[in-house]
PDB file of N, CA and C in Angstrom:
ATOM      1  N   MET A   1       0.070   1.195  -9.978  1.00  0.00           N
ATOM      2  CA  MET A   1       1.178   0.573  -9.539  1.00  0.00           C
ATOM      3  C   MET A   1       1.384   1.347  -8.120  1.00  0.00           C
ATOM      4  N   LYS A   2       1.733   0.864  -6.880  1.00  0.00           N
ATOM      5  CA  LYS A   2       1.814   1.376  -5.683  1.00  0.00           C
ATOM      6  C   LYS A   2       2.845   0.611  -4.891  1.00  0.00           C
ATOM      7  N   LEU A   3       3.723   1.275  -4.395  1.00  0.00           N
ATOM      8  CA  LEU A   3       5.150   0.675  -3.744  1.00  0.00           C
ATOM      9  C   LEU A   3       5.769   1.302  -2.992  1.00  0.00           C
ATOM     10  N   PHE A   4       6.138   1.079  -1.797  1.00  0.00           N
ATOM     11  CA  PHE A   4       6.406   1.927  -0.675  1.00  0.00           C
ATOM     12  C   PHE A   4       7.876   1.065  -0.128  1.00  0.00           C
ATOM     13  N   LEU A   5       8.909   1.988  -0.123  1.00  0.00           N
ATOM     14  CA  LEU A   5      10.240   1.268   0.136  1.00  0.00           C
ATOM     15  C   LEU A   5      10.967   2.255   1.316  1.00  0.00           C
ATOM     16  N   SER A   6      11.151   1.442   2.066  1.00  0.00           N
ATOM     17  CA  SER A   6      11.760   2.250   3.354  1.00  0.00           C
ATOM     18  C   SER A   6      12.858   1.434   4.124  1.00  0.00           C
ATOM     19  N   ASP A   7      13.343   1.948   5.077  1.00  0.00           N
ATOM     20  CA  ASP A   7      14.148   0.888   5.890  1.00  0.00           C
ATOM     21  C   ASP A   7      15.432   0.161   4.858  1.00  0.00           C
ATOM     22  N   PHE A   8      15.898   0.822   4.204  1.00  0.00           N
ATOM     23  CA  PHE A   8      17.045   0.230   3.458  1.00  0.00           C
ATOM     24  C   PHE A   8      18.134   1.563   3.554  1.00  0.00           C
ATOM     25  N   ASN A   9      19.433   0.386   3.548  1.00  0.00           N
ATOM     26  CA  ASN A   9      20.774   1.161   3.966  1.00  0.00           C
ATOM     27  C   ASN A   9      21.230   2.113   2.901  1.00  0.00           C
ATOM     28  N   SER A  10      20.618   3.404   3.182  1.00  0.00           N
ATOM     29  CA  SER A  10      21.084   4.609   2.094  1.00  0.00           C
ATOM     30  C   SER A  10      21.414   5.666   3.310  1.00  0.00           C
ATOM     31  N   SER A  11      22.901   6.279   2.793  1.00  0.00           N
ATOM     32  CA  SER A  11      23.011   7.350   3.495  1.00  0.00           C
ATOM     33  C   SER A  11      21.924   8.724   3.008  1.00  0.00           C
ATOM     34  N   MET A  12      21.791   8.590   1.629  1.00  0.00           N
ATOM     35  CA  MET A  12      21.006   9.514   0.804  1.00  0.00           C
ATOM     36  C   MET A  12      19.601   9.524   1.181  1.00  0.00           C
ATOM     37  N   LEU A  13      18.915   8.423   1.213  1.00  0.00           N
ATOM     38  CA  LEU A  13      17.654   8.627   0.893  1.00  0.00           C
ATOM     39  C   LEU A  13      16.842   7.756   2.041  1.00  0.00           C
ATOM     40  N   TYR A  14      15.784   8.337   2.731  1.00  0.00           N
ATOM     41  CA  TYR A  14      14.682   7.854   3.714  1.00  0.00           C
ATOM     42  C   TYR A  14      13.882   6.772   3.250  1.00  0.00           C
ATOM     43  N   SER A  15      13.164   7.397   2.003  1.00  0.00           N
ATOM     44  CA  SER A  15      11.967   6.371   1.658  1.00  0.00           C
ATOM     45  C   SER A  15      11.889   6.553   0.203  1.00  0.00           C
ATOM     46  N   ILE A  16      11.156   5.761  -0.712  1.00  0.00           N
ATOM     47  CA  ILE A  16      10.768   5.864  -1.874  1.00  0.00           C
ATOM     48  C   ILE A  16       9.216   5.552  -1.982  1.00  0.00           C
ATOM     49  N   ASP A  17       8.317   6.313  -2.289  1.00  0.00           N
ATOM     50  CA  ASP A  17       6.886   6.100  -2.206  1.00  0.00           C
ATOM     51  C   ASP A  17       6.285   6.237  -4.253  1.00  0.00           C
ATOM     52  N   ILE A  18       6.017   5.188  -4.463  1.00  0.00           N
ATOM     53  CA  ILE A  18       5.832   5.085  -6.012  1.00  0.00           C
ATOM     54  C   ILE A  18       4.158   5.088  -6.239  1.00  0.00           C
ATOM     55  N   SER A  19       3.480   5.988  -6.645  1.00  0.00           N
ATOM     56  CA  SER A  19       2.151   5.616  -7.056  1.00  0.00           C
ATOM     57  C   SER A  19       1.742   5.955  -8.443  1.00  0.00           C
ATOM     58  N   ASP A  20       1.025   5.150  -9.156  1.00  0.00           N
ATOM     59  CA  ASP A  20       1.086   5.426 -10.407  1.00  0.00           C
ATOM     60  C   ASP A  20       2.531   5.843 -11.297  1.00  0.00           C
ATOM     61  N   ASN A  21       2.416   6.915 -11.854  1.00  0.00           N
ATOM     62  CA  ASN A  21       3.754   6.877 -12.520  1.00  0.00           C
ATOM     63  C   ASN A  21       4.639   8.289 -11.658  1.00  0.00           C
ATOM     64  N   ILE A  22       4.109   8.387 -10.484  1.00  0.00           N
ATOM     65  CA  ILE A  22       4.793   9.533  -9.797  1.00  0.00           C
ATOM     66  C   ILE A  22       5.807   8.633  -8.814  1.00  0.00           C
ATOM     67  N   VAL A  23       6.999   9.183  -8.699  1.00  0.00           N
ATOM     68  CA  VAL A  23       7.887   8.857  -7.476  1.00  0.00           C
ATOM     69  C   VAL A  23       8.014  10.022  -6.614  1.00  0.00           C
ATOM     70  N   GLU A  24       7.714   9.251  -5.430  1.00  0.00           N
ATOM     71  CA  GLU A  24       7.844  10.471  -4.206  1.00  0.00           C
ATOM     72  C   GLU A  24       9.638   9.882  -3.490  1.00  0.00           C
ATOM     73  N   LEU A  25      10.534  10.951  -3.197  1.00  0.00           N
ATOM     74  CA  LEU A  25      11.532  10.716  -2.540  1.00  0.00           C
ATOM     75  C   LEU A  25      11.758  11.391  -1.282  1.00  0.00           C
ATOM     76  N   THR A  26      11.858  10.916  -0.472  1.00  0.00           N
ATOM     77  CA  THR A  26      12.349  11.550   0.893  1.00  0.00           C
ATOM     78  C   THR A  26      13.769  11.364   1.328  1.00  0.00           C
ATOM     79  N   TYR A  27      14.520  12.427   1.224  1.00  0.00           N
ATOM     80  CA  TYR A  27      15.881  12.300   1.717  1.00  0.00           C
ATOM     81  C   TYR A  27      16.221  12.482   3.158  1.00  0.00           C
ATOM     82  N   ASN A  28      17.307  11.916   3.646  1.00  0.00           N
ATOM     83  CA  ASN A  28      17.704  12.027   4.987  1.00  0.00           C
ATOM     84  C   ASN A  28      18.079  13.310   5.411  1.00  0.00           C
ATOM     85  N   THR A  29      18.296  14.091   4.576  1.00  0.00           N
ATOM     86  CA  THR A  29      18.535  15.400   4.791  1.00  0.00           C
ATOM     87  C   THR A  29      17.596  16.372   5.283  1.00  0.00           C
ATOM     88  N   ASN A  30      16.596  15.778   4.910  1.00  0.00           N
ATOM     89  CA  ASN A  30      14.924  16.608   5.383  1.00  0.00           C
ATOM     90  C   ASN A  30      13.988  15.764   5.007  1.00  0.00           C
ATOM     91  N   LYS A  31      13.559  14.997   6.018  1.00  0.00           N
ATOM     92  CA  LYS A  31      12.545  14.052   6.159  1.00  0.00           C
ATOM     93  C   LYS A  31      11.257  14.605   6.222  1.00  0.00           C
ATOM     94  N   SER A  32      11.073  15.914   6.357  1.00  0.00           N
ATOM     95  CA  SER A  32       9.752  16.456   6.388  1.00  0.00           C
ATOM     96  C   SER A  32       9.523  16.976   5.135  1.00  0.00           C
ATOM     97  N   LYS A  33      10.197  16.953   4.004  1.00  0.00           N
ATOM     98  CA  LYS A  33      10.014  17.280   2.539  1.00  0.00           C
ATOM     99  C   LYS A  33       9.892  16.135   1.536  1.00  0.00           C
ATOM    100  N   VAL A  34       9.018  16.100   0.710  1.00  0.00           N
ATOM    101  CA  VAL A  34       8.916  15.027  -0.165  1.00  0.00           C
ATOM    102  C   VAL A  34       8.962  15.607  -1.616  1.00  0.00           C
ATOM    103  N   TYR A  35      10.251  15.066  -2.421  1.00  0.00           N
ATOM    104  CA  TYR A  35      10.318  15.721  -3.854  1.00  0.00           C
ATOM    105  C   TYR A  35       9.463  14.690  -4.754  1.00  0.00           C
ATOM    106  N   GLN A  36       8.945  15.243  -5.655  1.00  0.00           N
ATOM    107  CA  GLN A  36       8.089  14.382  -6.695  1.00  0.00           C
ATOM    108  C   GLN A  36       8.729  14.468  -8.119  1.00  0.00           C
ATOM    109  N   TYR A  37       8.505  13.327  -8.481  1.00  0.00           N
ATOM    110  CA  TYR A  37       9.414  12.987  -9.983  1.00  0.00           C
ATOM    111  C   TYR A  37       8.493  12.274 -10.804  1.00  0.00           C
ATOM    112  N   LYS A  38       8.441  12.453 -12.112  1.00  0.00           N
ATOM    113  CA  LYS A  38       7.672  11.653 -13.055  1.00  0.00           C
ATOM    114  C   LYS A  38       9.265  10.671 -13.657  1.00  0.00           C
ATOM    115  N   HIS A  39       8.816   9.402 -14.274  1.00  0.00           N
ATOM    116  CA  HIS A  39       9.737   8.641 -14.584  1.00  0.00           C
ATOM    117  C   HIS A  39       9.483   8.372 -15.819  1.00  0.00           C
ATOM    118  N   THR A  40      10.423   8.374 -16.819  1.00  0.00           N
ATOM    119  CA  THR A  40      10.140   8.037 -18.163  1.00  0.00           C
ATOM    120  C   THR A  40       9.619   6.484 -18.079  1.00  0.00           C
ATOM    121  N   ASN A  41       9.957   5.415 -17.522  1.00  0.00           N
ATOM    122  CA  ASN A  41       9.716   4.078 -17.849  1.00  0.00           C
ATOM    123  C   ASN A  41       9.606   3.492 -16.083  1.00  0.00           C
ATOM    124  N   ILE A  42       8.256   3.610 -15.607  1.00  0.00           N
ATOM    125  CA  ILE A  42       7.925   3.454 -14.056  1.00  0.00           C
ATOM    126  C   ILE A  42       8.138   1.986 -14.151  1.00  0.00           C
ATOM    127  N   LYS A  43       8.062   1.124 -14.782  1.00  0.00           N
ATOM    128  CA  LYS A  43       7.982  -0.588 -14.527  1.00  0.00           C
ATOM    129  C   LYS A  43       9.542  -0.806 -14.368  1.00  0.00           C
ATOM    130  N   LYS A  44      10.130  -0.212 -15.264  1.00  0.00           N
ATOM    131  CA  LYS A  44      11.728  -0.533 -15.365  1.00  0.00           C
ATOM    132  C   LYS A  44      12.499   0.149 -14.006  1.00  0.00           C
ATOM    133  N   PHE A  45      11.848   1.427 -13.770  1.00  0.00           N
ATOM    134  CA  PHE A  45      12.243   2.098 -12.459  1.00  0.00           C
ATOM    135  C   PHE A  45      12.397   1.087 -11.075  1.00  0.00           C
ATOM    136  N   VAL A  46      10.872   0.526 -11.159  1.00  0.00           N
ATOM    137  CA  VAL A  46      10.781  -0.369  -9.906  1.00  0.00           C
ATOM    138  C   VAL A  46      11.446  -1.544 -10.012  1.00  0.00           C
ATOM    139  N   PHE A  47      11.613  -2.300 -10.818  1.00  0.00           N
ATOM    140  CA  PHE A  47      12.344  -3.383 -11.226  1.00  0.00           C
ATOM    141  C   PHE A  47      13.873  -3.092 -10.838  1.00  0.00           C
ATOM    142  N   GLU A  48      14.363  -2.224 -11.271  1.00  0.00           N
ATOM    143  CA  GLU A  48      15.849  -1.858 -11.247  1.00  0.00           C
ATOM    144  C   GLU A  48      16.055  -1.392  -9.608  1.00  0.00           C
ATOM    145  N   THR A  49      15.124  -0.872  -9.125  1.00  0.00           N
ATOM    146  CA  THR A  49      15.340  -0.237  -7.658  1.00  0.00           C
ATOM    147  C   THR A  49      15.109  -1.218  -6.898  1.00  0.00           C
ATOM    148  N   ILE A  50      14.272  -2.327  -6.963  1.00  0.00           N
ATOM    149  CA  ILE A  50      14.236  -3.791  -6.290  1.00  0.00           C
ATOM    150  C   ILE A  50      15.331  -4.378  -6.412  1.00  0.00           C
ATOM    151  N   LEU A  51      15.747  -4.676  -7.646  1.00  0.00           N
ATOM    152  CA  LEU A  51      16.911  -5.420  -7.755  1.00  0.00           C
ATOM    153  C   LEU A  51      18.329  -5.016  -7.352  1.00  0.00           C
ATOM    154  N   ILE A  52      18.464  -3.861  -7.143  1.00  0.00           N
ATOM    155  CA  ILE A  52      19.508  -2.803  -6.672  1.00  0.00           C
ATOM    156  C   ILE A  52      19.533  -3.225  -5.202  1.00  0.00           C
ATOM    157  N   GLY A  53      18.324  -2.909  -4.564  1.00  0.00           N
ATOM    158  CA  GLY A  53      18.244  -3.115  -2.766  1.00  0.00           C
ATOM    159  C   GLY A  53      18.329  -4.663  -2.588  1.00  0.00           C
ATOM    160  N   LEU A  54      17.963  -5.478  -3.242  1.00  0.00           N
ATOM    161  CA  LEU A  54      18.163  -6.900  -3.125  1.00  0.00           C
ATOM    162  C   LEU A  54      19.712  -7.373  -3.001  1.00  0.00           C
ATOM    163  N   ASN A  55      20.361  -6.591  -4.021  1.00  0.00           N
ATOM    164  CA  ASN A  55      21.682  -7.041  -4.287  1.00  0.00           C
ATOM    165  C   ASN A  55      22.674  -6.017  -3.354  1.00  0.00           C
ATOM    166  N   LYS A  56      21.839  -5.411  -2.365  1.00  0.00           N
ATOM    167  CA  LYS A  56      22.927  -4.751  -1.544  1.00  0.00           C
ATOM    168  C   LYS A  56      23.536  -3.440  -2.492  1.00  0.00           C
ATOM    169  N   GLY A  57      22.857  -3.376  -3.487  1.00  0.00           N
ATOM    170  CA  GLY A  57      23.784  -1.960  -4.034  1.00  0.00           C
ATOM    171  C   GLY A  57      23.225  -0.617  -3.716  1.00  0.00           C
ATOM    172  N   SER A  58      23.808   0.372  -4.358  1.00  0.00           N
ATOM    173  CA  SER A  58      23.688   1.363  -3.583  1.00  0.00           C
ATOM    174  C   SER A  58      22.312   2.264  -4.403  1.00  0.00           C
ATOM    175  N   ILE A  59      21.074   2.252  -3.613  1.00  0.00           N
ATOM    176  CA  ILE A  59      20.084   2.836  -4.488  1.00  0.00           C
ATOM    177  C   ILE A  59      20.142   4.607  -4.606  1.00  0.00           C
ATOM    178  N   GLY A  60      21.042   5.109  -3.602  1.00  0.00           N
ATOM    179  CA  GLY A  60      21.052   6.820  -3.460  1.00  0.00           C
ATOM    180  C   GLY A  60      22.142   6.741  -4.920  1.00  0.00           C
ATOM    181  N   LYS A  61      22.905   5.988  -5.295  1.00  0.00           N
ATOM    182  CA  LYS A  61      23.800   6.265  -6.713  1.00  0.00           C
ATOM    183  C   LYS A  61      22.809   5.970  -7.779  1.00  0.00           C
ATOM    184  N   TYR A  62      21.829   5.071  -7.751  1.00  0.00           N
ATOM    185  CA  TYR A  62      21.097   4.631  -8.924  1.00  0.00           C
ATOM    186  C   TYR A  62      20.024   6.066  -9.316  1.00  0.00           C
ATOM    187  N   ILE A  63      19.272   6.187  -8.060  1.00  0.00           N
ATOM    188  CA  ILE A  63      18.289   7.522  -8.257  1.00  0.00           C
ATOM    189  C   ILE A  63      19.414   8.898  -8.645  1.00  0.00           C
ATOM    190  N   THR A  64      20.522   9.159  -7.991  1.00  0.00           N
ATOM    191  CA  THR A  64      21.435  10.233  -8.851  1.00  0.00           C
ATOM    192  C   THR A  64      21.518   9.973 -10.585  1.00  0.00           C
ATOM    193  N   ASP A  65      21.909   8.668 -10.515  1.00  0.00           N
ATOM    194  CA  ASP A  65      22.187   8.740 -12.172  1.00  0.00           C
ATOM    195  C   ASP A  65      20.963   8.872 -12.897  1.00  0.00           C
ATOM    196  N   GLN A  66      19.750   8.109 -12.334  1.00  0.00           N
ATOM    197  CA  GLN A  66      18.230   8.387 -12.934  1.00  0.00           C
ATOM    198  C   GLN A  66      18.131   9.891 -13.080  1.00  0.00           C
ATOM    199  N   ARG A  67      18.529  10.822 -12.376  1.00  0.00           N
ATOM    200  CA  ARG A  67      18.133  12.028 -12.356  1.00  0.00           C
ATOM    201  C   ARG A  67      18.859  12.830 -13.234  1.00  0.00           C
ATOM    202  N   LYS A  68      20.699  12.418 -13.232  1.00  0.00           N
ATOM    203  CA  LYS A  68      21.449  12.867 -14.223  1.00  0.00           C
ATOM    204  C   LYS A  68      20.914  12.672 -15.932  1.00  0.00           C
ATOM    205  N   ASN A  69      20.253  11.650 -15.859  1.00  0.00           N
ATOM    206  CA  ASN A  69      20.097  11.052 -17.372  1.00  0.00           C
ATOM    207  C   ASN A  69      18.671  11.310 -17.692  1.00  0.00           C
ATOM    208  N   ASN A  70      17.804  12.079 -16.859  1.00  0.00           N
ATOM    209  CA  ASN A  70      16.570  12.956 -17.120  1.00  0.00           C
ATOM    210  C   ASN A  70      15.724  11.741 -17.302  1.00  0.00           C
ATOM    211  N   GLN A  71      16.089  10.447 -16.563  1.00  0.00           N
ATOM    212  CA  GLN A  71      14.947   9.456 -16.377  1.00  0.00           C
ATOM    213  C   GLN A  71      13.868   9.768 -15.519  1.00  0.00           C
ATOM    214  N   LEU A  72      14.633  10.448 -14.403  1.00  0.00           N
ATOM    215  CA  LEU A  72      13.506  11.008 -13.283  1.00  0.00           C
ATOM    216  C   LEU A  72      13.551  12.415 -13.347  1.00  0.00           C
ATOM    217  N   GLN A  73      12.371  13.275 -13.583  1.00  0.00           N
ATOM    218  CA  GLN A  73      12.216  14.444 -13.696  1.00  0.00           C
ATOM    219  C   GLN A  73      11.564  15.048 -12.906  1.00  0.00           C
ATOM    220  N   GLU A  74      12.018  16.209 -12.125  1.00  0.00           N
ATOM    221  CA  GLU A  74      11.245  16.874 -11.007  1.00  0.00           C
ATOM    222  C   GLU A  74       9.928  17.377 -11.281  1.00  0.00           C
ATOM    223  N   ILE A  75       8.705  17.331 -10.598  1.00  0.00           N
ATOM    224  CA  ILE A  75       7.670  17.898 -11.148  1.00  0.00           C
ATOM    225  C   ILE A  75       7.347  18.740 -10.002  1.00  0.00           C
TER     226      ILE A  75
END
């Protein structure tokens, strides 16, 4: 699975790049650094991220919650 998301209204995130089971996040605070994460259920993560984006929800809050719940684990 390959997906790249950017240009969404987020004060926290600049972009999300998903390739296979790796999620790469670039934050607005440092656009030159990419953080890599593994997700426990990548299909669910992709679905929920897109759904939140379409509903104009907070993708930043979703990412924060995923990290707190250890669904997104930094590698």
